[in-house]
Amino acid sequence: MTEPILRMTGISKSFNGIPALSDVSIEVLPGQVHAICGENGAGKSTLMKVLSGVYPAGTFSGDITLAGQPVAFRSIWPGNRSRSARSTTAKPLASSSSTRNWRSARTFRSPRTSSSATRSPPAA
């Protein structure tokens, strides 16, 4: 079995006693792409801030491993704690019209023919 490139296990974070994350776990294998989706207040940004070091080790409970090695991010600014943290930005879910436009963008008209063709991935 392939070792996960990223493993977050039992991540919990609260603000003034109000839980933002409660025992969240995720594994990402090499070559995988994941999307973190959910309603407002679901904890998406909080989870990404834990992973990126905006919320440093010790301000949440749980474990993070990268390539099998435990990590403890202390700051997003290595060696410089005086700088303010940059935050990650959550993107709103696409509206139905945006989704239609995205689906349309996946196809294109070939300049040599008038028929629609689905774009193929480049040859490796």
N, C-alpha and C. Protein backbone atom coordinates (compact mmCIF):
# COMPACT_ATOMS: atom_id res chain seq x y z
N MET A 1 0.84 -1.19 0.00
CA MET A 1 0.00 0.00 0.00
C MET A 1 0.89 1.25 0.00
N THR A 2 0.51 2.24 -0.76
CA THR A 2 1.26 3.49 -0.86
C THR A 2 1.07 4.32 0.40
N GLU A 3 2.17 4.87 0.89
CA GLU A 3 2.14 5.74 2.07
C GLU A 3 1.54 7.10 1.68
N PRO A 4 0.61 7.64 2.47
CA PRO A 4 0.05 8.97 2.16
C PRO A 4 1.14 10.04 2.19
N ILE A 5 1.06 10.97 1.26
CA ILE A 5 1.98 12.11 1.25
C ILE A 5 1.59 13.08 2.36
N LEU A 6 0.30 13.15 2.67
CA LEU A 6 -0.21 13.99 3.74
C LEU A 6 -1.20 13.19 4.57
N ARG A 7 -1.05 13.28 5.88
CA ARG A 7 -2.02 12.64 6.79
C ARG A 7 -2.28 13.62 7.93
N MET A 8 -3.53 14.00 8.09
CA MET A 8 -3.96 14.81 9.23
C MET A 8 -4.91 13.92 10.02
N THR A 9 -4.60 13.71 11.30
CA THR A 9 -5.36 12.76 12.11
C THR A 9 -5.85 13.41 13.39
N GLY A 10 -7.14 13.30 13.65
CA GLY A 10 -7.73 13.77 14.90
C GLY A 10 -7.58 15.25 15.14
N ILE A 11 -7.67 16.06 14.08
CA ILE A 11 -7.49 17.50 14.22
C ILE A 11 -8.73 18.12 14.87
N SER A 12 -8.51 18.80 15.98
CA SER A 12 -9.58 19.52 16.68
C SER A 12 -9.09 20.92 17.02
N LYS A 13 -9.96 21.90 16.83
CA LYS A 13 -9.62 23.30 17.11
C LYS A 13 -10.88 24.00 17.57
N SER A 14 -10.76 24.80 18.62
CA SER A 14 -11.91 25.56 19.08
C SER A 14 -11.50 27.01 19.32
N PHE A 15 -12.48 27.89 19.29
CA PHE A 15 -12.29 29.30 19.55
C PHE A 15 -13.21 29.69 20.70
N ASN A 16 -12.63 30.13 21.81
CA ASN A 16 -13.39 30.50 23.00
C ASN A 16 -14.39 29.41 23.40
N GLY A 17 -13.92 28.16 23.33
CA GLY A 17 -14.75 27.03 23.75
C GLY A 17 -15.74 26.54 22.71
N ILE A 18 -15.81 27.20 21.56
CA ILE A 18 -16.74 26.79 20.49
C ILE A 18 -15.94 25.98 19.46
N PRO A 19 -16.28 24.69 19.26
CA PRO A 19 -15.50 23.87 18.33
C PRO A 19 -15.65 24.31 16.88
N ALA A 20 -14.51 24.47 16.21
CA ALA A 20 -14.50 24.75 14.78
C ALA A 20 -14.19 23.48 14.01
N LEU A 21 -13.32 22.64 14.58
CA LEU A 21 -12.98 21.33 14.02
C LEU A 21 -13.08 20.32 15.14
N SER A 22 -13.63 19.17 14.87
CA SER A 22 -13.77 18.14 15.89
C SER A 22 -13.36 16.79 15.31
N ASP A 23 -12.14 16.34 15.65
CA ASP A 23 -11.63 15.03 15.26
C ASP A 23 -11.65 14.81 13.75
N VAL A 24 -11.11 15.77 13.00
CA VAL A 24 -11.06 15.70 11.54
C VAL A 24 -9.82 14.92 11.11
N SER A 25 -9.99 14.01 10.16
CA SER A 25 -8.88 13.25 9.61
C SER A 25 -8.98 13.22 8.09
N ILE A 26 -7.82 13.28 7.42
CA ILE A 26 -7.76 13.20 5.97
C ILE A 26 -6.43 12.60 5.57
N GLU A 27 -6.42 11.78 4.53
CA GLU A 27 -5.20 11.23 3.95
C GLU A 27 -5.19 11.56 2.47
N VAL A 28 -4.02 11.95 1.97
CA VAL A 28 -3.86 12.25 0.55
C VAL A 28 -2.70 11.41 0.03
N LEU A 29 -2.99 10.55 -0.93
CA LEU A 29 -1.95 9.73 -1.54
C LEU A 29 -1.26 10.51 -2.65
N PRO A 30 -0.02 10.16 -2.98
CA PRO A 30 0.67 10.84 -4.08
C PRO A 30 -0.16 10.77 -5.36
N GLY A 31 -0.25 11.88 -6.06
CA GLY A 31 -1.00 11.94 -7.31
C GLY A 31 -2.47 12.25 -7.15
N GLN A 32 -2.97 12.32 -5.93
CA GLN A 32 -4.38 12.63 -5.70
C GLN A 32 -4.58 14.13 -5.55
N VAL A 33 -5.76 14.57 -5.92
CA VAL A 33 -6.18 15.95 -5.71
C VAL A 33 -7.49 15.91 -4.94
N HIS A 34 -7.58 16.70 -3.88
CA HIS A 34 -8.79 16.74 -3.07
C HIS A 34 -9.32 18.16 -3.04
N ALA A 35 -10.62 18.28 -2.86
CA ALA A 35 -11.26 19.58 -2.65
C ALA A 35 -11.91 19.55 -1.27
N ILE A 36 -11.73 20.62 -0.53
CA ILE A 36 -12.37 20.75 0.78
C ILE A 36 -13.59 21.64 0.57
N CYS A 37 -14.78 21.05 0.66
CA CYS A 37 -16.02 21.77 0.38
C CYS A 37 -16.95 21.67 1.59
N GLY A 38 -17.78 22.67 1.75
CA GLY A 38 -18.77 22.64 2.82
C GLY A 38 -19.43 23.98 2.97
N GLU A 39 -20.43 24.02 3.82
CA GLU A 39 -21.17 25.25 4.06
C GLU A 39 -20.33 26.22 4.87
N ASN A 40 -20.77 27.46 4.94
CA ASN A 40 -20.11 28.46 5.78
C ASN A 40 -20.09 27.94 7.21
N GLY A 41 -18.94 28.09 7.86
CA GLY A 41 -18.80 27.66 9.24
C GLY A 41 -18.49 26.19 9.41
N ALA A 42 -18.26 25.46 8.31
CA ALA A 42 -17.99 24.03 8.39
C ALA A 42 -16.56 23.72 8.83
N GLY A 43 -15.64 24.70 8.75
CA GLY A 43 -14.28 24.48 9.19
C GLY A 43 -13.25 24.34 8.09
N LYS A 44 -13.64 24.61 6.85
CA LYS A 44 -12.72 24.47 5.71
C LYS A 44 -11.49 25.35 5.89
N SER A 45 -11.70 26.63 6.12
CA SER A 45 -10.58 27.57 6.26
C SER A 45 -9.76 27.24 7.49
N THR A 46 -10.41 26.85 8.57
CA THR A 46 -9.68 26.51 9.79
C THR A 46 -8.76 25.32 9.54
N LEU A 47 -9.24 24.30 8.83
CA LEU A 47 -8.41 23.13 8.53
C LEU A 47 -7.20 23.53 7.69
N MET A 48 -7.41 24.38 6.68
CA MET A 48 -6.29 24.80 5.84
C MET A 48 -5.31 25.69 6.61
N LYS A 49 -5.82 26.47 7.55
CA LYS A 49 -4.93 27.31 8.37
C LYS A 49 -4.12 26.45 9.34
N VAL A 50 -4.68 25.35 9.83
CA VAL A 50 -3.92 24.41 10.65
C VAL A 50 -2.80 23.81 9.80
N LEU A 51 -3.14 23.37 8.60
CA LEU A 51 -2.16 22.74 7.71
C LEU A 51 -1.06 23.71 7.28
N SER A 52 -1.42 24.97 7.04
CA SER A 52 -0.44 25.93 6.53
C SER A 52 0.38 26.61 7.62
N GLY A 53 0.04 26.42 8.89
CA GLY A 53 0.81 27.02 9.96
C GLY A 53 0.28 28.35 10.45
N VAL A 54 -0.82 28.83 9.88
CA VAL A 54 -1.43 30.06 10.39
C VAL A 54 -1.84 29.83 11.84
N TYR A 55 -2.41 28.64 12.14
CA TYR A 55 -2.66 28.23 13.51
C TYR A 55 -1.55 27.25 13.86
N PRO A 56 -0.52 27.70 14.57
CA PRO A 56 0.67 26.87 14.80
C PRO A 56 0.40 25.70 15.73
N ALA A 57 1.33 24.74 15.68
CA ALA A 57 1.27 23.58 16.57
C ALA A 57 1.12 24.06 18.00
N GLY A 58 0.27 23.37 18.73
CA GLY A 58 0.00 23.76 20.11
C GLY A 58 -1.30 24.53 20.26
N THR A 59 -1.82 25.08 19.14
CA THR A 59 -3.09 25.80 19.20
C THR A 59 -4.26 24.90 18.77
N PHE A 60 -3.95 23.65 18.41
CA PHE A 60 -4.96 22.67 18.02
C PHE A 60 -4.47 21.31 18.51
N SER A 61 -5.34 20.33 18.52
CA SER A 61 -4.91 18.98 18.87
C SER A 61 -4.98 18.11 17.62
N GLY A 62 -4.18 17.07 17.60
CA GLY A 62 -4.12 16.17 16.46
C GLY A 62 -2.71 16.10 15.91
N ASP A 63 -2.55 15.27 14.88
CA ASP A 63 -1.23 15.03 14.30
C ASP A 63 -1.24 15.28 12.80
N ILE A 64 -0.12 15.79 12.30
CA ILE A 64 0.07 16.01 10.86
C ILE A 64 1.38 15.32 10.47
N THR A 65 1.33 14.50 9.41
CA THR A 65 2.55 13.91 8.86
C THR A 65 2.63 14.24 7.39
N LEU A 66 3.83 14.56 6.93
CA LEU A 66 4.12 14.79 5.52
C LEU A 66 5.15 13.76 5.10
N ALA A 67 4.84 12.98 4.08
CA ALA A 67 5.73 11.93 3.58
C ALA A 67 6.19 11.02 4.71
N GLY A 68 5.27 10.70 5.63
CA GLY A 68 5.57 9.78 6.72
C GLY A 68 6.28 10.38 7.91
N GLN A 69 6.65 11.66 7.84
CA GLN A 69 7.37 12.31 8.94
C GLN A 69 6.44 13.25 9.70
N PRO A 70 6.40 13.14 11.03
CA PRO A 70 5.57 14.08 11.81
C PRO A 70 6.08 15.51 11.63
N VAL A 71 5.16 16.45 11.50
CA VAL A 71 5.53 17.86 11.37
C VAL A 71 4.75 18.66 12.40
N ALA A 72 5.35 19.78 12.81
CA ALA A 72 4.70 20.70 13.75
C ALA A 72 5.02 22.11 13.28
N PHE A 73 4.12 22.69 12.51
CA PHE A 73 4.33 24.03 11.99
C PHE A 73 4.19 25.03 13.13
N ARG A 74 5.18 25.87 13.30
CA ARG A 74 5.16 26.87 14.38
C ARG A 74 4.77 28.24 13.86
N SER A 75 4.96 28.49 12.58
CA SER A 75 4.67 29.80 12.00
C SER A 75 4.72 29.66 10.49
N ILE A 76 4.00 30.51 9.78
CA ILE A 76 4.14 30.51 8.32
C ILE A 76 5.33 31.37 7.90
N TRP A 77 5.94 32.08 8.85
CA TRP A 77 7.11 32.92 8.58
C TRP A 77 8.30 32.35 9.33
N PRO A 78 8.99 31.35 8.77
CA PRO A 78 10.11 30.75 9.49
C PRO A 78 11.13 31.80 9.91
N GLY A 79 11.49 31.79 11.18
CA GLY A 79 12.52 32.68 11.69
C GLY A 79 12.08 34.12 11.91
N ASN A 80 10.82 34.43 11.63
CA ASN A 80 10.37 35.81 11.80
C ASN A 80 8.94 35.82 12.34
N ARG A 81 8.81 35.82 13.64
CA ARG A 81 7.48 35.79 14.26
C ARG A 81 6.83 37.17 14.31
N SER A 82 7.57 38.24 13.97
CA SER A 82 7.00 39.58 14.09
C SER A 82 6.06 39.92 12.94
N ARG A 83 6.17 39.21 11.83
CA ARG A 83 5.29 39.48 10.70
C ARG A 83 3.89 38.94 10.97
N SER A 84 2.90 39.62 10.46
CA SER A 84 1.54 39.12 10.63
C SER A 84 1.31 37.99 9.64
N ALA A 85 0.45 37.07 10.02
CA ALA A 85 0.19 35.89 9.19
C ALA A 85 -0.69 36.25 8.00
N ARG A 86 -0.37 35.67 6.87
CA ARG A 86 -1.25 35.77 5.71
C ARG A 86 -2.24 34.63 5.79
N SER A 87 -3.46 34.89 5.47
CA SER A 87 -4.47 33.84 5.60
C SER A 87 -4.75 33.20 4.24
N THR A 88 -5.28 31.99 4.31
CA THR A 88 -5.77 31.35 3.11
C THR A 88 -7.15 31.93 2.82
N THR A 89 -7.59 31.84 1.60
CA THR A 89 -8.87 32.42 1.21
C THR A 89 -9.79 31.33 0.70
N ALA A 90 -10.96 31.23 1.28
CA ALA A 90 -11.96 30.28 0.82
C ALA A 90 -12.67 30.86 -0.40
N LYS A 91 -12.92 30.04 -1.38
CA LYS A 91 -13.64 30.46 -2.57
C LYS A 91 -15.07 29.96 -2.48
N PRO A 92 -16.05 30.82 -2.79
CA PRO A 92 -17.44 30.38 -2.73
C PRO A 92 -17.73 29.33 -3.79
N LEU A 93 -18.71 28.47 -3.51
CA LEU A 93 -19.10 27.48 -4.50
C LEU A 93 -19.67 28.18 -5.72
N ALA A 94 -19.46 27.58 -6.88
CA ALA A 94 -19.91 28.19 -8.13
C ALA A 94 -21.43 28.19 -8.21
N SER A 95 -21.97 29.26 -8.75
CA SER A 95 -23.42 29.30 -8.99
C SER A 95 -23.73 28.42 -10.18
N SER A 96 -24.99 28.14 -10.42
CA SER A 96 -25.36 27.25 -11.51
C SER A 96 -24.93 27.81 -12.86
N SER A 97 -25.01 29.14 -13.06
CA SER A 97 -24.58 29.70 -14.34
C SER A 97 -23.07 29.59 -14.50
N SER A 98 -22.31 29.77 -13.40
CA SER A 98 -20.86 29.61 -13.47
C SER A 98 -20.51 28.16 -13.77
N THR A 99 -21.29 27.24 -13.20
CA THR A 99 -21.03 25.82 -13.45
C THR A 99 -21.28 25.50 -14.91
N ARG A 100 -22.35 26.06 -15.50
CA ARG A 100 -22.60 25.84 -16.92
C ARG A 100 -21.45 26.39 -17.74
N ASN A 101 -20.95 27.58 -17.40
CA ASN A 101 -19.85 28.17 -18.15
C ASN A 101 -18.60 27.30 -18.05
N TRP A 102 -18.34 26.74 -16.86
CA TRP A 102 -17.18 25.88 -16.69
C TRP A 102 -17.33 24.64 -17.55
N ARG A 103 -18.54 24.05 -17.57
CA ARG A 103 -18.74 22.86 -18.41
C ARG A 103 -18.53 23.21 -19.87
N SER A 104 -18.97 24.39 -20.28
CA SER A 104 -18.78 24.82 -21.67
C SER A 104 -17.30 24.99 -21.98
N ALA A 105 -16.52 25.44 -20.99
CA ALA A 105 -15.10 25.67 -21.21
C ALA A 105 -14.33 24.38 -21.42
N ARG A 106 -14.92 23.26 -21.03
CA ARG A 106 -14.22 21.98 -21.20
C ARG A 106 -14.25 21.52 -22.65
N THR A 107 -15.12 22.06 -23.45
CA THR A 107 -15.17 21.70 -24.87
C THR A 107 -14.77 22.92 -25.69
N PHE A 108 -14.34 22.71 -26.88
CA PHE A 108 -13.95 23.81 -27.73
C PHE A 108 -14.26 23.47 -29.18
N ARG A 109 -14.34 24.48 -30.00
CA ARG A 109 -14.53 24.26 -31.44
C ARG A 109 -13.17 24.20 -32.09
N SER A 110 -12.97 23.14 -32.82
CA SER A 110 -11.71 22.98 -33.53
C SER A 110 -11.64 24.01 -34.65
N PRO A 111 -10.51 24.67 -34.83
CA PRO A 111 -10.43 25.66 -35.90
C PRO A 111 -10.54 25.04 -37.29
N ARG A 112 -10.32 23.73 -37.43
CA ARG A 112 -10.36 23.08 -38.73
C ARG A 112 -11.73 22.51 -39.07
N THR A 113 -12.55 22.27 -38.06
CA THR A 113 -13.89 21.72 -38.32
C THR A 113 -14.91 22.51 -37.53
N SER A 114 -16.15 22.30 -37.84
CA SER A 114 -17.21 23.02 -37.12
C SER A 114 -17.78 22.17 -36.00
N SER A 115 -17.31 20.94 -35.82
CA SER A 115 -17.87 20.10 -34.76
C SER A 115 -17.16 20.36 -33.45
N SER A 116 -17.88 20.09 -32.36
CA SER A 116 -17.28 20.23 -31.02
C SER A 116 -16.46 19.00 -30.72
N ALA A 117 -15.36 19.19 -30.05
CA ALA A 117 -14.51 18.07 -29.65
C ALA A 117 -14.12 18.28 -28.20
N THR A 118 -14.02 17.18 -27.49
CA THR A 118 -13.57 17.28 -26.10
C THR A 118 -12.05 17.27 -26.12
N ARG A 119 -11.45 18.20 -25.41
CA ARG A 119 -9.98 18.32 -25.38
C ARG A 119 -9.39 17.07 -24.74
N SER A 120 -8.38 16.51 -25.37
CA SER A 120 -7.67 15.36 -24.85
C SER A 120 -6.45 15.84 -24.08
N PRO A 121 -6.04 15.07 -23.06
CA PRO A 121 -4.83 15.47 -22.34
C PRO A 121 -3.61 15.36 -23.24
N PRO A 122 -2.58 16.18 -23.02
CA PRO A 122 -1.39 16.10 -23.85
C PRO A 122 -0.71 14.76 -23.70
N ALA A 123 -0.07 14.32 -24.77
CA ALA A 123 0.64 13.04 -24.75
C ALA A 123 1.83 13.13 -23.82
N ALA A 124 2.03 12.05 -23.08
CA ALA A 124 3.14 12.05 -22.11
C ALA A 124 4.44 11.65 -22.75
